[in-house]
N, C-alpha and C. Protein backbone atom coordinates (compact mmCIF):
# COMPACT_ATOMS: atom_id res chain seq x y z
N UNK A 1 -0.18 1.34 -9.08
CA UNK A 1 -0.92 2.07 -7.74
C UNK A 1 -0.14 2.95 -7.12
N UNK A 2 -0.47 4.14 -6.79
CA UNK A 2 0.44 5.06 -5.90
C UNK A 2 0.38 4.32 -4.32
N UNK A 3 1.43 4.97 -3.92
CA UNK A 3 1.76 4.41 -2.38
C UNK A 3 0.69 5.20 -1.37
N UNK A 4 -0.04 4.23 -0.76
CA UNK A 4 -1.39 4.64 0.15
C UNK A 4 -0.64 4.62 1.59
N UNK A 5 0.26 4.20 1.62
CA UNK A 5 0.86 3.91 3.21
C UNK A 5 1.31 5.37 3.73
N UNK A 6 1.52 6.58 3.03
CA UNK A 6 2.01 7.72 3.60
C UNK A 6 1.28 8.25 4.73
N UNK A 7 0.06 9.04 4.11
CA UNK A 7 -0.68 9.81 5.42
C UNK A 7 -0.14 10.59 5.82
N UNK A 8 1.15 11.38 5.48
CA UNK A 8 1.81 12.30 6.21
C UNK A 8 2.00 13.50 5.54
N UNK A 9 1.03 13.80 4.49
CA UNK A 9 1.06 14.92 3.79
C UNK A 9 0.79 16.20 4.46
N UNK A 10 1.20 17.17 3.96
CA UNK A 10 0.83 18.40 4.66
C UNK A 10 -0.69 18.64 4.59
N UNK A 11 -1.22 19.66 5.60
CA UNK A 11 -2.68 19.64 5.59
C UNK A 11 -3.35 20.33 4.25
N UNK A 12 -2.50 20.87 3.53
CA UNK A 12 -2.86 21.77 2.32
C UNK A 12 -3.04 20.64 1.35
N UNK A 13 -2.67 19.32 1.56
CA UNK A 13 -2.98 18.23 0.53
C UNK A 13 -4.09 17.58 0.80
N UNK A 14 -4.88 17.83 1.99
CA UNK A 14 -6.29 17.20 2.34
C UNK A 14 -7.23 17.98 1.94
N UNK A 15 -8.34 17.14 1.63
CA UNK A 15 -9.61 17.73 1.43
C UNK A 15 -10.48 17.54 2.63
N UNK A 16 -11.26 18.44 3.10
CA UNK A 16 -12.20 18.45 4.17
C UNK A 16 -13.39 17.61 3.76
N UNK A 17 -13.96 16.72 4.21
CA UNK A 17 -15.06 16.13 4.11
C UNK A 17 -15.75 16.15 5.26
N UNK A 18 -17.14 16.27 5.00
CA UNK A 18 -18.09 16.25 6.13
C UNK A 18 -18.89 15.00 6.15
N UNK A 19 -18.61 14.26 7.32
CA UNK A 19 -19.24 13.13 7.43
C UNK A 19 -20.18 12.87 8.79
N UNK A 20 -21.46 12.34 8.39
CA UNK A 20 -22.33 12.35 9.32
C UNK A 20 -22.28 10.94 9.98
N UNK A 21 -22.50 10.45 11.34
CA UNK A 21 -22.43 9.29 11.70
C UNK A 21 -23.40 9.31 12.88
N UNK A 22 -23.98 8.23 13.25
CA UNK A 22 -24.75 8.13 14.33
C UNK A 22 -24.01 8.06 15.62
N UNK A 23 -24.57 8.35 16.85
CA UNK A 23 -23.81 8.61 18.19
C UNK A 23 -22.88 6.97 18.23
N UNK A 24 -23.49 5.77 17.93
CA UNK A 24 -22.88 4.58 18.14
C UNK A 24 -21.56 4.58 17.25
N UNK A 25 -21.59 4.85 15.92
CA UNK A 25 -20.26 4.76 15.23
C UNK A 25 -19.54 5.81 15.75
N UNK A 26 -19.81 6.78 16.02
CA UNK A 26 -18.61 7.84 16.42
C UNK A 26 -18.16 7.46 17.94
N UNK A 27 -19.10 6.86 18.71
CA UNK A 27 -18.40 6.24 19.86
C UNK A 27 -17.37 5.35 19.81
N UNK A 28 -17.64 4.38 18.72
CA UNK A 28 -16.75 3.30 18.20
C UNK A 28 -15.24 4.00 17.99
N UNK A 29 -15.27 4.99 17.26
CA UNK A 29 -14.09 5.66 16.73
C UNK A 29 -13.49 6.60 17.97
N UNK A 30 -14.21 6.90 18.72
CA UNK A 30 -13.68 7.58 20.06
C UNK A 30 -12.93 6.70 20.97
N UNK A 31 -13.57 5.54 21.01
CA UNK A 31 -13.03 4.45 21.85
C UNK A 31 -11.75 3.92 21.47
N UNK A 32 -11.75 3.59 20.13
CA UNK A 32 -10.70 3.25 19.34
C UNK A 32 -9.39 3.84 19.58
N UNK A 33 -9.73 5.26 19.55
CA UNK A 33 -8.63 6.26 19.79
C UNK A 33 -7.98 6.36 21.22
N UNK A 34 -9.02 6.04 21.84
CA UNK A 34 -8.66 6.10 23.40
C UNK A 34 -8.02 4.83 23.95
N UNK A 35 -8.49 3.89 23.45
CA UNK A 35 -7.88 2.70 23.60
C UNK A 35 -6.17 2.57 23.29
N UNK A 36 -6.06 3.23 22.02
CA UNK A 36 -4.51 3.07 21.85
C UNK A 36 -3.57 3.88 22.85
N UNK A 37 -4.29 5.12 23.22
CA UNK A 37 -3.52 5.94 24.25
C UNK A 37 -3.45 5.13 25.92
N UNK A 38 -4.67 4.28 26.07
CA UNK A 38 -4.67 3.82 27.22
C UNK A 38 -3.71 2.29 27.20
N UNK A 39 -3.35 1.93 26.24
CA UNK A 39 -2.39 0.83 25.96
C UNK A 39 -0.69 1.27 25.87
N UNK A 40 -0.76 2.57 26.08
CA UNK A 40 0.85 3.01 26.01
C UNK A 40 0.89 4.17 24.71
N UNK A 41 0.24 4.02 23.85
CA UNK A 41 0.33 4.82 22.70
C UNK A 41 -0.28 6.07 22.68
N UNK A 42 -0.42 6.84 21.62
CA UNK A 42 -1.09 8.06 21.43
C UNK A 42 -2.51 7.83 20.93
N UNK A 43 -3.11 8.93 21.71
CA UNK A 43 -4.61 8.90 20.85
C UNK A 43 -4.65 8.89 19.63
N UNK A 44 -5.54 8.14 19.09
CA UNK A 44 -5.54 8.07 17.43
C UNK A 44 -6.74 8.94 17.20
N UNK A 45 -6.66 10.09 16.18
CA UNK A 45 -7.80 10.81 16.07
C UNK A 45 -8.74 9.98 15.03
N UNK A 46 -10.01 10.33 15.04
CA UNK A 46 -11.02 9.80 14.44
C UNK A 46 -10.58 9.83 12.69
N UNK A 47 -10.11 11.29 12.62
CA UNK A 47 -9.88 11.31 11.00
C UNK A 47 -8.55 10.52 10.51
N UNK A 48 -7.71 10.16 11.33
CA UNK A 48 -6.72 9.09 11.09
C UNK A 48 -7.21 7.53 10.74
N UNK A 49 -8.28 7.17 11.69
CA UNK A 49 -8.98 5.95 11.33
C UNK A 49 -9.73 5.92 10.27
N UNK A 50 -10.41 6.82 9.98
CA UNK A 50 -11.13 6.96 8.66
C UNK A 50 -10.19 6.98 7.60
N UNK A 51 -9.14 7.64 7.45
CA UNK A 51 -8.07 7.63 6.32
C UNK A 51 -7.67 6.22 6.07
N UNK A 52 -7.43 5.42 7.51
CA UNK A 52 -6.87 4.21 7.36
C UNK A 52 -8.17 3.09 6.52
N UNK A 53 -9.36 3.20 7.03
CA UNK A 53 -10.33 2.51 6.61
C UNK A 53 -10.50 2.82 5.34
N UNK A 54 -10.23 3.96 4.69
CA UNK A 54 -10.28 4.39 3.10
C UNK A 54 -9.34 3.49 2.36
N UNK A 55 -8.17 3.77 2.84
CA UNK A 55 -6.84 2.85 2.53
C UNK A 55 -7.04 1.41 2.31
N UNK A 56 -7.64 0.90 3.29
CA UNK A 56 -8.08 -0.52 3.37
C UNK A 56 -9.17 -0.78 2.10
N UNK A 57 -10.23 -0.04 1.85
CA UNK A 57 -11.24 -0.29 1.22
C UNK A 57 -10.46 -0.08 -0.34
N UNK A 58 -9.46 0.67 -0.39
CA UNK A 58 -8.81 0.74 -1.74
C UNK A 58 -8.13 -0.55 -1.95
N UNK A 59 -7.82 -1.36 -1.15
CA UNK A 59 -6.95 -2.56 -1.18
C UNK A 59 -7.92 -3.71 -1.61
N UNK A 60 -9.19 -3.37 -1.22
CA UNK A 60 -10.25 -4.64 -1.33
C UNK A 60 -10.90 -4.59 -2.70
N UNK A 61 -11.28 -5.74 -3.36
CA UNK A 61 -11.77 -5.87 -4.44
C UNK A 61 -13.40 -5.81 -4.21
N UNK A 62 -13.96 -4.80 -4.10
CA UNK A 62 -15.15 -4.66 -3.72
C UNK A 62 -16.26 -4.23 -4.86
N UNK A 63 -17.03 -5.06 -5.38
CA UNK A 63 -17.87 -4.58 -6.42
C UNK A 63 -19.42 -3.89 -5.79
N UNK A 64 -19.17 -2.54 -6.30
CA UNK A 64 -20.51 -2.03 -5.58
C UNK A 64 -21.70 -1.65 -6.46
N UNK A 65 -21.65 -2.34 -7.63
CA UNK A 65 -22.59 -2.29 -8.81
C UNK A 65 -23.89 -2.79 -8.27
N UNK A 66 -24.71 -1.89 -8.31
CA UNK A 66 -26.37 -2.55 -7.81
C UNK A 66 -26.64 -2.03 -6.22
N UNK A 67 -25.71 -1.60 -5.58
CA UNK A 67 -25.74 -1.36 -4.10
C UNK A 67 -26.70 -0.32 -4.19
N UNK A 68 -27.74 -0.59 -3.03
CA UNK A 68 -28.78 0.47 -2.72
C UNK A 68 -28.97 0.67 -1.44
N UNK A 69 -28.36 -0.15 -0.46
CA UNK A 69 -28.47 0.18 0.99
C UNK A 69 -27.05 0.12 1.81
N UNK A 70 -26.82 0.57 2.60
CA UNK A 70 -25.49 0.52 3.58
C UNK A 70 -25.35 -0.78 4.04
N UNK A 71 -26.56 -1.60 4.20
CA UNK A 71 -26.39 -3.10 4.81
C UNK A 71 -25.83 -3.85 3.24
N UNK A 72 -26.30 -3.62 2.47
CA UNK A 72 -25.73 -4.22 1.16
C UNK A 72 -24.29 -4.03 0.95
N UNK A 73 -23.84 -2.73 1.21
CA UNK A 73 -22.42 -2.51 1.08
C UNK A 73 -21.75 -2.85 2.10
N UNK A 74 -22.15 -3.11 3.34
CA UNK A 74 -21.52 -3.85 4.24
C UNK A 74 -21.45 -5.08 3.94
N UNK A 75 -22.28 -5.94 3.44
CA UNK A 75 -22.40 -7.58 3.07
C UNK A 75 -21.22 -7.54 1.97
N UNK A 76 -21.16 -6.56 0.89
CA UNK A 76 -20.05 -6.68 -0.04
C UNK A 76 -18.57 -6.64 0.46
N UNK A 77 -18.35 -5.63 1.54
CA UNK A 77 -17.05 -5.44 2.16
C UNK A 77 -16.78 -6.76 2.94
N UNK A 78 -17.85 -7.16 3.48
CA UNK A 78 -17.54 -8.66 4.25
C UNK A 78 -16.90 -9.60 3.37
N UNK A 79 -17.65 -9.70 2.06
CA UNK A 79 -17.12 -10.85 1.08
C UNK A 79 -16.03 -10.58 0.64
N UNK A 80 -15.72 -9.39 0.21
CA UNK A 80 -14.47 -8.77 -0.15
C UNK A 80 -13.25 -9.30 0.81
N UNK A 81 -13.49 -8.79 2.15
CA UNK A 81 -12.43 -9.43 3.31
C UNK A 81 -12.33 -10.84 3.21
N UNK A 82 -13.42 -11.61 3.16
CA UNK A 82 -13.23 -13.02 3.19
C UNK A 82 -12.43 -13.49 2.04
N UNK A 83 -12.59 -12.90 1.00
CA UNK A 83 -11.87 -13.37 -0.25
C UNK A 83 -10.11 -13.18 -0.13
N UNK A 84 -9.89 -12.18 0.73
CA UNK A 84 -8.43 -11.71 1.04
C UNK A 84 -7.87 -12.62 1.88
N UNK A 85 -8.48 -13.46 2.68
CA UNK A 85 -7.92 -14.20 3.76
C UNK A 85 -7.65 -15.80 3.33
């Protein structure tokens, strides 16, 4: 498996993805980024948070077969996380 911890490639190595989120989820990402700055670090961009979440997804053994709704996928993700603990 390739090293997924880098995340430091040049912008030319990135692919732009349009992501639509409801206000509530966007607010969560914004607050997480701001909380990092408020606690003495740097503001974490939403794109960095999303890339980290995708890398986490790559490490989980999630079975997406037959999934038809976002809630079903969320349940599968939770189960995969529980298996890793």
